[in-house]
N, C-alpha and C. Protein backbone atom coordinates (compact mmCIF):
# COMPACT_ATOMS: atom_id res chain seq x y z
N MET A 1 -16.51 -3.07 33.21
CA MET A 1 -17.31 -2.63 32.06
C MET A 1 -17.61 -1.14 32.20
N SER A 2 -17.42 -0.39 31.13
CA SER A 2 -17.65 1.05 31.18
C SER A 2 -19.14 1.34 31.26
N ARG A 3 -19.47 2.43 31.92
CA ARG A 3 -20.87 2.81 32.06
C ARG A 3 -21.37 3.42 30.76
N PRO A 4 -22.66 3.20 30.43
CA PRO A 4 -23.19 3.73 29.17
C PRO A 4 -23.15 5.25 29.14
N PHE A 5 -22.93 5.79 27.94
CA PHE A 5 -22.86 7.24 27.76
C PHE A 5 -24.28 7.81 27.74
N ARG A 6 -24.58 8.71 28.67
CA ARG A 6 -25.91 9.29 28.75
C ARG A 6 -25.84 10.77 28.40
N VAL A 7 -26.72 11.19 27.54
CA VAL A 7 -26.71 12.57 27.06
C VAL A 7 -27.79 13.37 27.77
N VAL A 8 -27.40 14.50 28.35
CA VAL A 8 -28.34 15.40 28.99
C VAL A 8 -28.67 16.57 28.06
N HIS A 9 -27.63 17.10 27.42
CA HIS A 9 -27.81 18.22 26.50
C HIS A 9 -27.37 17.81 25.09
N PRO A 10 -28.01 18.31 24.05
CA PRO A 10 -27.62 17.97 22.67
C PRO A 10 -26.15 18.24 22.38
N GLY A 11 -25.60 19.29 23.02
CA GLY A 11 -24.21 19.62 22.78
C GLY A 11 -23.24 18.56 23.28
N ASP A 12 -23.73 17.68 24.18
CA ASP A 12 -22.86 16.62 24.71
C ASP A 12 -22.45 15.63 23.64
N PHE A 13 -23.23 15.58 22.55
CA PHE A 13 -22.87 14.66 21.47
C PHE A 13 -21.62 15.12 20.74
N GLY A 14 -21.36 16.43 20.75
CA GLY A 14 -20.27 16.97 19.95
C GLY A 14 -20.64 16.96 18.47
N GLY A 15 -19.62 16.88 17.61
CA GLY A 15 -19.88 16.84 16.17
C GLY A 15 -20.28 15.44 15.74
N VAL A 16 -21.46 15.33 15.15
CA VAL A 16 -21.99 14.02 14.72
C VAL A 16 -22.02 13.96 13.20
N ALA A 17 -21.22 13.06 12.64
CA ALA A 17 -21.22 12.86 11.20
C ALA A 17 -22.28 11.82 10.84
N VAL A 18 -23.27 12.24 10.06
CA VAL A 18 -24.28 11.30 9.58
C VAL A 18 -23.77 10.74 8.26
N LEU A 19 -23.32 9.50 8.29
CA LEU A 19 -22.67 8.89 7.14
C LEU A 19 -23.71 8.20 6.28
N MET A 20 -23.86 8.67 5.05
CA MET A 20 -24.91 8.17 4.17
C MET A 20 -24.40 8.03 2.75
N GLY A 21 -25.25 7.51 1.88
CA GLY A 21 -24.90 7.43 0.46
C GLY A 21 -24.00 6.26 0.16
N GLY A 22 -22.71 6.55 -0.06
CA GLY A 22 -21.77 5.48 -0.40
C GLY A 22 -21.89 5.05 -1.85
N THR A 23 -21.33 3.90 -2.15
CA THR A 23 -21.26 3.44 -3.54
C THR A 23 -21.97 2.11 -3.77
N SER A 24 -22.67 1.59 -2.76
CA SER A 24 -23.34 0.31 -2.95
C SER A 24 -24.62 0.50 -3.76
N SER A 25 -25.25 -0.61 -4.10
CA SER A 25 -26.50 -0.56 -4.88
C SER A 25 -27.64 0.01 -4.06
N GLU A 26 -27.47 0.16 -2.75
CA GLU A 26 -28.51 0.70 -1.87
C GLU A 26 -28.26 2.17 -1.54
N ARG A 27 -27.53 2.85 -2.40
CA ARG A 27 -27.17 4.25 -2.16
C ARG A 27 -28.40 5.14 -1.97
N ASP A 28 -29.40 5.01 -2.85
CA ASP A 28 -30.56 5.89 -2.79
C ASP A 28 -31.33 5.72 -1.48
N VAL A 29 -31.47 4.47 -1.04
CA VAL A 29 -32.16 4.20 0.23
C VAL A 29 -31.38 4.84 1.38
N SER A 30 -30.06 4.71 1.33
CA SER A 30 -29.22 5.29 2.39
C SER A 30 -29.34 6.81 2.43
N LEU A 31 -29.34 7.45 1.26
CA LEU A 31 -29.45 8.90 1.22
C LEU A 31 -30.78 9.37 1.79
N ASP A 32 -31.85 8.66 1.45
CA ASP A 32 -33.18 9.04 1.94
C ASP A 32 -33.26 8.89 3.46
N SER A 33 -32.76 7.78 3.98
CA SER A 33 -32.77 7.56 5.43
C SER A 33 -31.85 8.57 6.13
N GLY A 34 -30.69 8.82 5.52
CA GLY A 34 -29.73 9.74 6.13
C GLY A 34 -30.27 11.15 6.26
N ARG A 35 -30.98 11.62 5.23
CA ARG A 35 -31.55 12.97 5.30
C ARG A 35 -32.55 13.08 6.45
N ASN A 36 -33.36 12.04 6.64
CA ASN A 36 -34.34 12.06 7.72
C ASN A 36 -33.65 12.10 9.09
N VAL A 37 -32.60 11.30 9.25
CA VAL A 37 -31.86 11.28 10.52
C VAL A 37 -31.19 12.63 10.76
N LEU A 38 -30.57 13.17 9.70
CA LEU A 38 -29.88 14.45 9.83
C LEU A 38 -30.84 15.56 10.25
N GLU A 39 -32.00 15.61 9.62
CA GLU A 39 -32.98 16.65 9.96
C GLU A 39 -33.46 16.49 11.40
N ALA A 40 -33.68 15.24 11.83
CA ALA A 40 -34.16 15.00 13.20
C ALA A 40 -33.11 15.42 14.22
N LEU A 41 -31.84 15.10 13.98
CA LEU A 41 -30.79 15.49 14.91
C LEU A 41 -30.64 17.01 14.97
N GLN A 42 -30.67 17.65 13.82
CA GLN A 42 -30.51 19.10 13.80
C GLN A 42 -31.67 19.81 14.47
N ARG A 43 -32.89 19.25 14.34
CA ARG A 43 -34.05 19.85 15.02
C ARG A 43 -33.89 19.78 16.53
N ARG A 44 -33.18 18.76 17.01
CA ARG A 44 -32.96 18.60 18.45
C ARG A 44 -31.77 19.42 18.94
N GLY A 45 -31.12 20.16 18.05
CA GLY A 45 -30.00 20.99 18.45
C GLY A 45 -28.66 20.31 18.42
N VAL A 46 -28.58 19.13 17.80
CA VAL A 46 -27.31 18.41 17.71
C VAL A 46 -26.48 18.99 16.56
N ASP A 47 -25.19 19.12 16.77
CA ASP A 47 -24.28 19.60 15.73
C ASP A 47 -24.01 18.45 14.75
N ALA A 48 -24.98 18.20 13.88
CA ALA A 48 -24.90 17.08 12.94
C ALA A 48 -24.70 17.59 11.52
N PHE A 49 -23.96 16.83 10.74
CA PHE A 49 -23.70 17.20 9.34
C PHE A 49 -23.55 15.93 8.53
N ALA A 50 -23.80 16.03 7.22
CA ALA A 50 -23.79 14.86 6.35
C ALA A 50 -22.41 14.61 5.75
N ILE A 51 -22.06 13.34 5.61
CA ILE A 51 -20.87 12.92 4.88
C ILE A 51 -21.27 11.79 3.94
N ASP A 52 -20.89 11.92 2.68
CA ASP A 52 -21.29 10.96 1.66
C ASP A 52 -20.19 9.94 1.41
N GLY A 53 -20.32 8.77 2.02
CA GLY A 53 -19.42 7.66 1.73
C GLY A 53 -18.15 7.61 2.57
N ILE A 54 -17.52 6.45 2.54
CA ILE A 54 -16.34 6.20 3.37
C ILE A 54 -15.13 7.05 2.95
N PRO A 55 -14.83 7.23 1.64
CA PRO A 55 -13.67 8.07 1.28
C PRO A 55 -13.76 9.48 1.83
N ASP A 56 -14.96 10.10 1.78
CA ASP A 56 -15.11 11.45 2.31
C ASP A 56 -14.93 11.46 3.83
N LEU A 57 -15.39 10.40 4.49
CA LEU A 57 -15.21 10.30 5.94
C LEU A 57 -13.73 10.22 6.29
N VAL A 58 -12.98 9.39 5.56
CA VAL A 58 -11.54 9.26 5.81
C VAL A 58 -10.85 10.60 5.60
N ALA A 59 -11.27 11.33 4.56
CA ALA A 59 -10.67 12.64 4.29
C ALA A 59 -10.91 13.59 5.46
N GLU A 60 -12.11 13.57 6.02
CA GLU A 60 -12.41 14.45 7.15
C GLU A 60 -11.59 14.07 8.39
N LEU A 61 -11.36 12.77 8.56
CA LEU A 61 -10.64 12.30 9.74
C LEU A 61 -9.14 12.50 9.65
N THR A 62 -8.62 12.57 8.42
CA THR A 62 -7.16 12.57 8.26
C THR A 62 -6.58 13.86 7.71
N GLN A 63 -7.40 14.74 7.14
CA GLN A 63 -6.87 15.92 6.50
C GLN A 63 -7.34 17.19 7.21
N PRO A 64 -6.52 17.75 8.09
CA PRO A 64 -6.91 19.01 8.73
C PRO A 64 -6.91 20.14 7.71
N PRO A 65 -7.72 21.19 7.88
CA PRO A 65 -8.63 21.34 9.01
C PRO A 65 -9.99 20.74 8.70
N GLY A 66 -10.21 19.50 9.06
CA GLY A 66 -11.51 18.87 8.85
C GLY A 66 -12.48 19.24 9.95
N ARG A 67 -13.73 18.94 9.74
CA ARG A 67 -14.71 19.20 10.78
C ARG A 67 -14.50 18.25 11.95
N ARG A 68 -14.82 18.71 13.14
CA ARG A 68 -14.65 17.87 14.33
C ARG A 68 -15.69 16.76 14.30
N ILE A 69 -15.23 15.52 14.34
CA ILE A 69 -16.12 14.36 14.34
C ILE A 69 -15.94 13.64 15.67
N ASP A 70 -16.93 13.77 16.55
CA ASP A 70 -16.87 13.11 17.85
C ASP A 70 -17.52 11.73 17.82
N ARG A 71 -18.43 11.55 16.88
CA ARG A 71 -19.08 10.25 16.73
C ARG A 71 -19.73 10.17 15.35
N VAL A 72 -20.02 8.96 14.90
CA VAL A 72 -20.57 8.74 13.56
C VAL A 72 -21.91 8.01 13.67
N PHE A 73 -22.92 8.57 13.02
CA PHE A 73 -24.22 7.92 12.91
C PHE A 73 -24.24 7.25 11.53
N ASN A 74 -24.08 5.94 11.51
CA ASN A 74 -23.91 5.20 10.26
C ASN A 74 -25.25 4.84 9.63
N ILE A 75 -25.50 5.41 8.43
CA ILE A 75 -26.71 5.07 7.68
C ILE A 75 -26.36 4.41 6.35
N LEU A 76 -25.11 4.01 6.18
CA LEU A 76 -24.73 3.31 4.95
C LEU A 76 -25.40 1.94 4.91
N HIS A 77 -25.74 1.50 3.70
CA HIS A 77 -26.34 0.19 3.51
C HIS A 77 -25.51 -0.61 2.50
N GLY A 78 -25.56 -1.91 2.63
CA GLY A 78 -24.89 -2.77 1.65
C GLY A 78 -23.48 -3.13 2.08
N HIS A 79 -22.83 -3.93 1.25
CA HIS A 79 -21.51 -4.44 1.58
C HIS A 79 -20.42 -3.78 0.75
N ALA A 80 -20.54 -3.77 -0.56
CA ALA A 80 -19.52 -3.13 -1.41
C ALA A 80 -19.73 -1.62 -1.37
N GLY A 81 -18.89 -0.93 -0.61
CA GLY A 81 -19.04 0.51 -0.48
C GLY A 81 -20.05 0.90 0.57
N GLY A 82 -20.63 -0.10 1.25
CA GLY A 82 -21.61 0.19 2.29
C GLY A 82 -20.98 0.08 3.66
N GLY A 83 -21.80 0.11 4.68
CA GLY A 83 -21.26 0.10 6.04
C GLY A 83 -21.68 -1.11 6.83
N GLU A 84 -21.99 -2.22 6.15
CA GLU A 84 -22.51 -3.39 6.85
C GLU A 84 -21.60 -4.60 6.73
N ASP A 85 -20.35 -4.41 6.32
CA ASP A 85 -19.47 -5.56 6.14
C ASP A 85 -18.30 -5.57 7.11
N GLY A 86 -18.26 -4.63 8.05
CA GLY A 86 -17.20 -4.60 9.05
C GLY A 86 -16.03 -3.70 8.69
N VAL A 87 -15.92 -3.28 7.42
CA VAL A 87 -14.80 -2.44 7.01
C VAL A 87 -14.88 -1.07 7.68
N LEU A 88 -16.04 -0.44 7.59
CA LEU A 88 -16.21 0.87 8.23
C LEU A 88 -16.01 0.77 9.73
N GLN A 89 -16.57 -0.27 10.34
CA GLN A 89 -16.45 -0.42 11.78
C GLN A 89 -14.98 -0.56 12.21
N GLY A 90 -14.22 -1.34 11.44
CA GLY A 90 -12.80 -1.49 11.75
C GLY A 90 -12.05 -0.18 11.62
N LEU A 91 -12.41 0.60 10.60
CA LEU A 91 -11.77 1.90 10.39
C LEU A 91 -12.03 2.83 11.57
N LEU A 92 -13.28 2.91 12.01
CA LEU A 92 -13.63 3.80 13.11
C LEU A 92 -13.04 3.31 14.43
N GLU A 93 -12.94 1.99 14.60
CA GLU A 93 -12.28 1.46 15.80
C GLU A 93 -10.82 1.93 15.83
N ALA A 94 -10.17 1.91 14.66
CA ALA A 94 -8.77 2.32 14.59
C ALA A 94 -8.61 3.79 14.97
N PHE A 95 -9.59 4.63 14.60
CA PHE A 95 -9.53 6.06 14.93
C PHE A 95 -10.05 6.34 16.34
N GLY A 96 -10.65 5.34 16.98
CA GLY A 96 -11.21 5.56 18.30
C GLY A 96 -12.46 6.42 18.28
N THR A 97 -13.20 6.38 17.17
CA THR A 97 -14.39 7.20 17.01
C THR A 97 -15.65 6.37 17.26
N PRO A 98 -16.49 6.75 18.24
CA PRO A 98 -17.73 6.00 18.50
C PRO A 98 -18.66 6.04 17.29
N TYR A 99 -19.45 4.98 17.13
CA TYR A 99 -20.37 4.91 15.99
C TYR A 99 -21.59 4.09 16.37
N THR A 100 -22.65 4.24 15.59
CA THR A 100 -23.88 3.50 15.85
C THR A 100 -23.83 2.14 15.15
N GLY A 101 -24.67 1.24 15.60
CA GLY A 101 -24.79 -0.06 14.94
C GLY A 101 -23.83 -1.10 15.47
N SER A 102 -23.76 -2.22 14.75
CA SER A 102 -22.94 -3.35 15.17
C SER A 102 -21.45 -3.02 15.06
N ASP A 103 -20.65 -3.69 15.90
CA ASP A 103 -19.20 -3.57 15.77
C ASP A 103 -18.71 -4.57 14.74
N VAL A 104 -17.38 -4.71 14.62
CA VAL A 104 -16.82 -5.59 13.59
C VAL A 104 -17.29 -7.02 13.79
N LEU A 105 -17.24 -7.51 15.03
CA LEU A 105 -17.67 -8.87 15.31
C LEU A 105 -19.15 -9.04 15.04
N GLY A 106 -19.94 -8.03 15.41
CA GLY A 106 -21.37 -8.12 15.19
C GLY A 106 -21.73 -8.24 13.73
N ALA A 107 -20.99 -7.52 12.86
CA ALA A 107 -21.24 -7.62 11.42
C ALA A 107 -20.98 -9.03 10.93
N ALA A 108 -19.88 -9.64 11.41
CA ALA A 108 -19.56 -11.00 11.00
C ALA A 108 -20.60 -12.00 11.50
N LEU A 109 -21.04 -11.82 12.75
CA LEU A 109 -22.04 -12.73 13.30
C LEU A 109 -23.38 -12.59 12.61
N SER A 110 -23.73 -11.37 12.19
CA SER A 110 -25.01 -11.19 11.49
C SER A 110 -25.01 -11.91 10.16
N LEU A 111 -23.85 -11.93 9.47
CA LEU A 111 -23.76 -12.67 8.22
C LEU A 111 -23.92 -14.16 8.47
N THR A 112 -23.34 -14.65 9.59
CA THR A 112 -23.49 -16.06 9.93
C THR A 112 -24.95 -16.39 10.22
N ALA A 113 -25.64 -15.48 10.93
CA ALA A 113 -27.05 -15.71 11.24
C ALA A 113 -27.89 -15.74 9.98
N LEU A 114 -27.60 -14.85 9.05
CA LEU A 114 -28.34 -14.85 7.79
C LEU A 114 -28.15 -16.15 7.03
N ARG A 115 -26.93 -16.66 7.05
CA ARG A 115 -26.66 -17.90 6.34
C ARG A 115 -27.42 -19.06 6.97
N GLY A 116 -27.57 -19.00 8.33
CA GLY A 116 -28.20 -20.13 9.00
C GLY A 116 -29.71 -20.05 9.05
N GLN A 117 -30.30 -18.81 9.09
CA GLN A 117 -31.72 -18.69 9.32
C GLN A 117 -32.47 -17.93 8.23
N GLY A 118 -31.80 -17.04 7.57
CA GLY A 118 -32.48 -16.20 6.59
C GLY A 118 -32.51 -16.85 5.22
N PRO A 119 -32.83 -16.06 4.20
CA PRO A 119 -32.83 -16.58 2.83
C PRO A 119 -31.43 -16.99 2.42
N PRO A 120 -31.32 -17.93 1.49
CA PRO A 120 -29.99 -18.42 1.11
C PRO A 120 -29.12 -17.31 0.54
N LEU A 121 -27.85 -17.30 0.96
CA LEU A 121 -26.88 -16.34 0.46
C LEU A 121 -26.14 -16.94 -0.72
N PRO A 122 -25.56 -16.11 -1.57
CA PRO A 122 -24.80 -16.65 -2.70
C PRO A 122 -23.67 -17.56 -2.22
N GLY A 123 -23.35 -18.55 -3.04
CA GLY A 123 -22.29 -19.48 -2.70
C GLY A 123 -20.93 -18.80 -2.62
N TRP A 124 -19.98 -19.55 -2.08
CA TRP A 124 -18.61 -19.02 -1.90
C TRP A 124 -17.99 -18.69 -3.24
N LYS A 125 -17.44 -17.50 -3.33
CA LYS A 125 -16.81 -17.05 -4.57
C LYS A 125 -15.29 -17.02 -4.38
N TRP A 126 -14.60 -17.86 -5.13
CA TRP A 126 -13.15 -17.94 -4.99
C TRP A 126 -12.43 -16.78 -5.66
N ARG A 127 -13.00 -16.25 -6.73
CA ARG A 127 -12.31 -15.20 -7.47
C ARG A 127 -12.01 -13.97 -6.61
N PRO A 128 -13.01 -13.37 -5.95
CA PRO A 128 -12.70 -12.18 -5.15
C PRO A 128 -11.73 -12.47 -4.00
N VAL A 129 -11.88 -13.65 -3.38
CA VAL A 129 -10.97 -14.01 -2.29
C VAL A 129 -9.55 -14.13 -2.81
N SER A 130 -9.41 -14.77 -3.97
CA SER A 130 -8.08 -14.95 -4.56
C SER A 130 -7.45 -13.61 -4.92
N ILE A 131 -8.25 -12.70 -5.46
CA ILE A 131 -7.72 -11.38 -5.84
C ILE A 131 -7.21 -10.63 -4.61
N VAL A 132 -8.00 -10.65 -3.54
CA VAL A 132 -7.59 -9.94 -2.32
C VAL A 132 -6.31 -10.56 -1.74
N LEU A 133 -6.26 -11.88 -1.67
CA LEU A 133 -5.08 -12.55 -1.13
C LEU A 133 -3.84 -12.27 -1.97
N LEU A 134 -4.00 -12.34 -3.29
CA LEU A 134 -2.86 -12.09 -4.17
C LEU A 134 -2.39 -10.63 -4.06
N SER A 135 -3.33 -9.71 -3.90
CA SER A 135 -2.94 -8.31 -3.78
C SER A 135 -2.14 -8.06 -2.50
N VAL A 136 -2.52 -8.76 -1.42
CA VAL A 136 -1.79 -8.62 -0.16
C VAL A 136 -0.38 -9.20 -0.29
N VAL A 137 -0.28 -10.37 -0.95
CA VAL A 137 1.03 -10.98 -1.16
C VAL A 137 1.91 -10.07 -2.02
N ALA A 138 1.31 -9.52 -3.09
CA ALA A 138 2.07 -8.62 -3.96
C ALA A 138 2.52 -7.38 -3.21
N PHE A 139 1.69 -6.87 -2.31
CA PHE A 139 2.06 -5.71 -1.50
C PHE A 139 3.33 -6.01 -0.71
N GLY A 140 3.38 -7.18 -0.08
CA GLY A 140 4.55 -7.53 0.70
C GLY A 140 5.80 -7.69 -0.15
N LEU A 141 5.62 -8.17 -1.39
CA LEU A 141 6.77 -8.40 -2.26
C LEU A 141 7.35 -7.11 -2.82
N VAL A 142 6.48 -6.12 -3.10
CA VAL A 142 6.96 -4.90 -3.77
C VAL A 142 7.21 -3.74 -2.82
N LEU A 143 6.85 -3.91 -1.53
CA LEU A 143 6.94 -2.80 -0.58
C LEU A 143 8.33 -2.19 -0.53
N THR A 144 9.36 -3.03 -0.41
CA THR A 144 10.70 -2.49 -0.25
C THR A 144 11.23 -1.84 -1.53
N HIS A 145 10.66 -2.18 -2.67
CA HIS A 145 11.11 -1.62 -3.94
C HIS A 145 10.28 -0.41 -4.37
N ALA A 146 8.94 -0.52 -4.23
CA ALA A 146 8.05 0.55 -4.70
C ALA A 146 7.78 1.60 -3.63
N GLY A 147 8.02 1.26 -2.36
CA GLY A 147 7.74 2.21 -1.29
C GLY A 147 6.32 2.04 -0.75
N LEU A 148 6.09 2.56 0.44
CA LEU A 148 4.81 2.37 1.13
C LEU A 148 3.65 3.03 0.38
N VAL A 149 3.88 4.23 -0.15
CA VAL A 149 2.79 4.98 -0.80
C VAL A 149 2.27 4.25 -2.03
N LEU A 150 3.16 3.95 -2.98
CA LEU A 150 2.73 3.30 -4.21
C LEU A 150 2.22 1.89 -3.96
N SER A 151 2.84 1.18 -3.02
CA SER A 151 2.42 -0.18 -2.71
C SER A 151 1.00 -0.20 -2.14
N THR A 152 0.72 0.76 -1.25
CA THR A 152 -0.61 0.82 -0.64
C THR A 152 -1.67 1.17 -1.67
N ILE A 153 -1.38 2.15 -2.51
CA ILE A 153 -2.35 2.53 -3.55
C ILE A 153 -2.61 1.35 -4.48
N GLY A 154 -1.53 0.66 -4.88
CA GLY A 154 -1.69 -0.51 -5.74
C GLY A 154 -2.49 -1.60 -5.08
N LEU A 155 -2.23 -1.83 -3.79
CA LEU A 155 -2.98 -2.85 -3.05
C LEU A 155 -4.47 -2.57 -3.06
N ILE A 156 -4.85 -1.31 -2.77
CA ILE A 156 -6.26 -0.95 -2.71
C ILE A 156 -6.93 -1.09 -4.08
N ILE A 157 -6.25 -0.64 -5.14
CA ILE A 157 -6.84 -0.71 -6.47
C ILE A 157 -7.04 -2.16 -6.89
N VAL A 158 -6.00 -2.98 -6.73
CA VAL A 158 -6.10 -4.38 -7.15
C VAL A 158 -7.15 -5.12 -6.32
N ALA A 159 -7.13 -4.93 -5.00
CA ALA A 159 -8.10 -5.61 -4.14
C ALA A 159 -9.53 -5.18 -4.45
N SER A 160 -9.70 -3.91 -4.85
CA SER A 160 -11.05 -3.40 -5.16
C SER A 160 -11.64 -4.04 -6.41
N THR A 161 -10.79 -4.55 -7.30
CA THR A 161 -11.32 -5.20 -8.51
C THR A 161 -12.06 -6.49 -8.18
N ALA A 162 -11.94 -6.96 -6.95
CA ALA A 162 -12.68 -8.17 -6.55
C ALA A 162 -14.18 -7.90 -6.47
N SER A 163 -14.57 -6.62 -6.34
CA SER A 163 -15.98 -6.27 -6.23
C SER A 163 -16.59 -6.04 -7.61
N ARG A 164 -17.82 -6.45 -7.76
CA ARG A 164 -18.54 -6.20 -9.01
C ARG A 164 -18.84 -4.73 -9.20
N GLU A 165 -18.81 -3.97 -8.11
CA GLU A 165 -19.10 -2.54 -8.17
C GLU A 165 -17.81 -1.72 -8.17
N PHE A 166 -16.74 -2.30 -8.70
CA PHE A 166 -15.43 -1.63 -8.74
C PHE A 166 -15.52 -0.34 -9.53
N ARG A 167 -14.99 0.74 -8.93
CA ARG A 167 -14.90 2.03 -9.59
C ARG A 167 -13.48 2.54 -9.41
N LEU A 168 -12.78 2.73 -10.53
CA LEU A 168 -11.36 3.07 -10.48
C LEU A 168 -11.12 4.37 -9.73
N ARG A 169 -11.90 5.42 -10.04
CA ARG A 169 -11.67 6.73 -9.41
C ARG A 169 -11.77 6.64 -7.89
N GLU A 170 -12.80 5.99 -7.39
CA GLU A 170 -12.99 5.89 -5.95
C GLU A 170 -11.92 5.01 -5.32
N SER A 171 -11.48 3.99 -6.04
CA SER A 171 -10.42 3.13 -5.52
C SER A 171 -9.10 3.89 -5.41
N VAL A 172 -8.82 4.73 -6.41
CA VAL A 172 -7.59 5.53 -6.37
C VAL A 172 -7.64 6.52 -5.20
N ILE A 173 -8.79 7.17 -5.02
CA ILE A 173 -8.94 8.13 -3.92
C ILE A 173 -8.75 7.42 -2.58
N SER A 174 -9.39 6.26 -2.42
CA SER A 174 -9.25 5.51 -1.18
C SER A 174 -7.81 5.09 -0.96
N GLY A 175 -7.14 4.67 -2.05
CA GLY A 175 -5.75 4.26 -1.94
C GLY A 175 -4.85 5.39 -1.50
N ILE A 176 -5.07 6.58 -2.06
CA ILE A 176 -4.25 7.74 -1.69
C ILE A 176 -4.47 8.11 -0.23
N LEU A 177 -5.73 8.12 0.21
CA LEU A 177 -6.03 8.47 1.59
C LEU A 177 -5.43 7.46 2.56
N LEU A 178 -5.57 6.16 2.24
CA LEU A 178 -5.02 5.14 3.13
C LEU A 178 -3.49 5.14 3.11
N ALA A 179 -2.90 5.49 1.96
CA ALA A 179 -1.44 5.59 1.89
C ALA A 179 -0.95 6.72 2.80
N ALA A 180 -1.64 7.86 2.75
CA ALA A 180 -1.28 8.98 3.62
C ALA A 180 -1.43 8.61 5.09
N LEU A 181 -2.52 7.90 5.40
CA LEU A 181 -2.75 7.46 6.78
C LEU A 181 -1.66 6.48 7.22
N SER A 182 -1.26 5.57 6.33
CA SER A 182 -0.23 4.58 6.66
C SER A 182 1.11 5.26 6.95
N VAL A 183 1.45 6.25 6.13
CA VAL A 183 2.70 6.98 6.37
C VAL A 183 2.64 7.70 7.72
N GLY A 184 1.51 8.33 8.00
CA GLY A 184 1.38 9.06 9.25
C GLY A 184 1.46 8.16 10.47
N VAL A 185 0.81 6.98 10.39
CA VAL A 185 0.77 6.08 11.54
C VAL A 185 2.08 5.31 11.70
N PHE A 186 2.52 4.65 10.60
CA PHE A 186 3.63 3.71 10.73
C PHE A 186 5.01 4.38 10.64
N VAL A 187 5.16 5.35 9.73
CA VAL A 187 6.47 5.96 9.54
C VAL A 187 6.68 7.14 10.50
N ILE A 188 5.70 8.05 10.54
CA ILE A 188 5.85 9.23 11.39
C ILE A 188 5.51 8.93 12.84
N GLY A 189 4.36 8.25 13.06
CA GLY A 189 3.92 7.98 14.43
C GLY A 189 4.74 6.91 15.12
N LEU A 190 4.80 5.71 14.52
CA LEU A 190 5.50 4.58 15.14
C LEU A 190 6.98 4.52 14.78
N LYS A 191 7.39 5.38 13.82
CA LYS A 191 8.80 5.48 13.40
C LYS A 191 9.37 4.15 12.90
N LEU A 192 8.53 3.41 12.16
CA LEU A 192 9.01 2.17 11.56
C LEU A 192 9.88 2.51 10.34
N GLN A 193 10.91 1.72 10.14
CA GLN A 193 11.84 1.97 9.05
C GLN A 193 11.28 1.39 7.74
N LEU A 194 10.34 2.08 7.17
CA LEU A 194 9.71 1.64 5.91
C LEU A 194 10.00 2.69 4.84
N PRO A 195 10.34 2.26 3.63
CA PRO A 195 10.56 3.22 2.54
C PRO A 195 9.23 3.85 2.11
N ILE A 196 9.20 5.16 2.02
CA ILE A 196 7.97 5.84 1.61
C ILE A 196 7.83 5.85 0.09
N TRP A 197 8.92 6.12 -0.60
CA TRP A 197 8.93 6.18 -2.06
C TRP A 197 9.98 5.22 -2.60
N PRO A 198 9.92 4.88 -3.87
CA PRO A 198 10.96 4.00 -4.45
C PRO A 198 12.34 4.57 -4.24
N GLY A 199 13.25 3.72 -3.76
CA GLY A 199 14.63 4.15 -3.59
C GLY A 199 14.89 4.94 -2.34
N SER A 200 13.86 5.12 -1.47
CA SER A 200 14.07 5.94 -0.27
C SER A 200 14.43 5.10 0.96
N GLY A 201 14.49 3.77 0.76
CA GLY A 201 14.78 2.90 1.92
C GLY A 201 16.25 2.93 2.31
């Protein structure tokens, strides 16, 4: 087991992205909490800066010359566009970036605990699950014809319609960023033989 990270000087934290806002219904609460955390870190001499939502965070992580992000202080709230459903945690795990709060498993277990002990949660919704599953199947079917970029963007847009808080502009931005990341990781990094654009296979 690795030893816990202990900070002696504020500079040891490196660049700290205070992730706040987002697109969930709890955006205002997140912004208010995030500003307080940001001010407290900066008063202590930490190189902290604000990032509004997951798409902006992905842009900073994938598009040089972005700011150096050594760790993320997550103040997002909510599930759709928030940071409490495991999506953000999985993303940061993939980048190897340390973050505050529960990990992916912890987010899933907390939902289980709420269902068992807390107030009743909404019943199972088949529509959003079906949309996500169908979008993944469609991605696999059209990948070789449409290419990785268009297939990924389409997957994100279609899957995002499963949320009641669906916003086309943000879905398109997320799709473009994830498509660029997919090309960088799978085609350029791992050198998988995947078509990037239609007819390029």
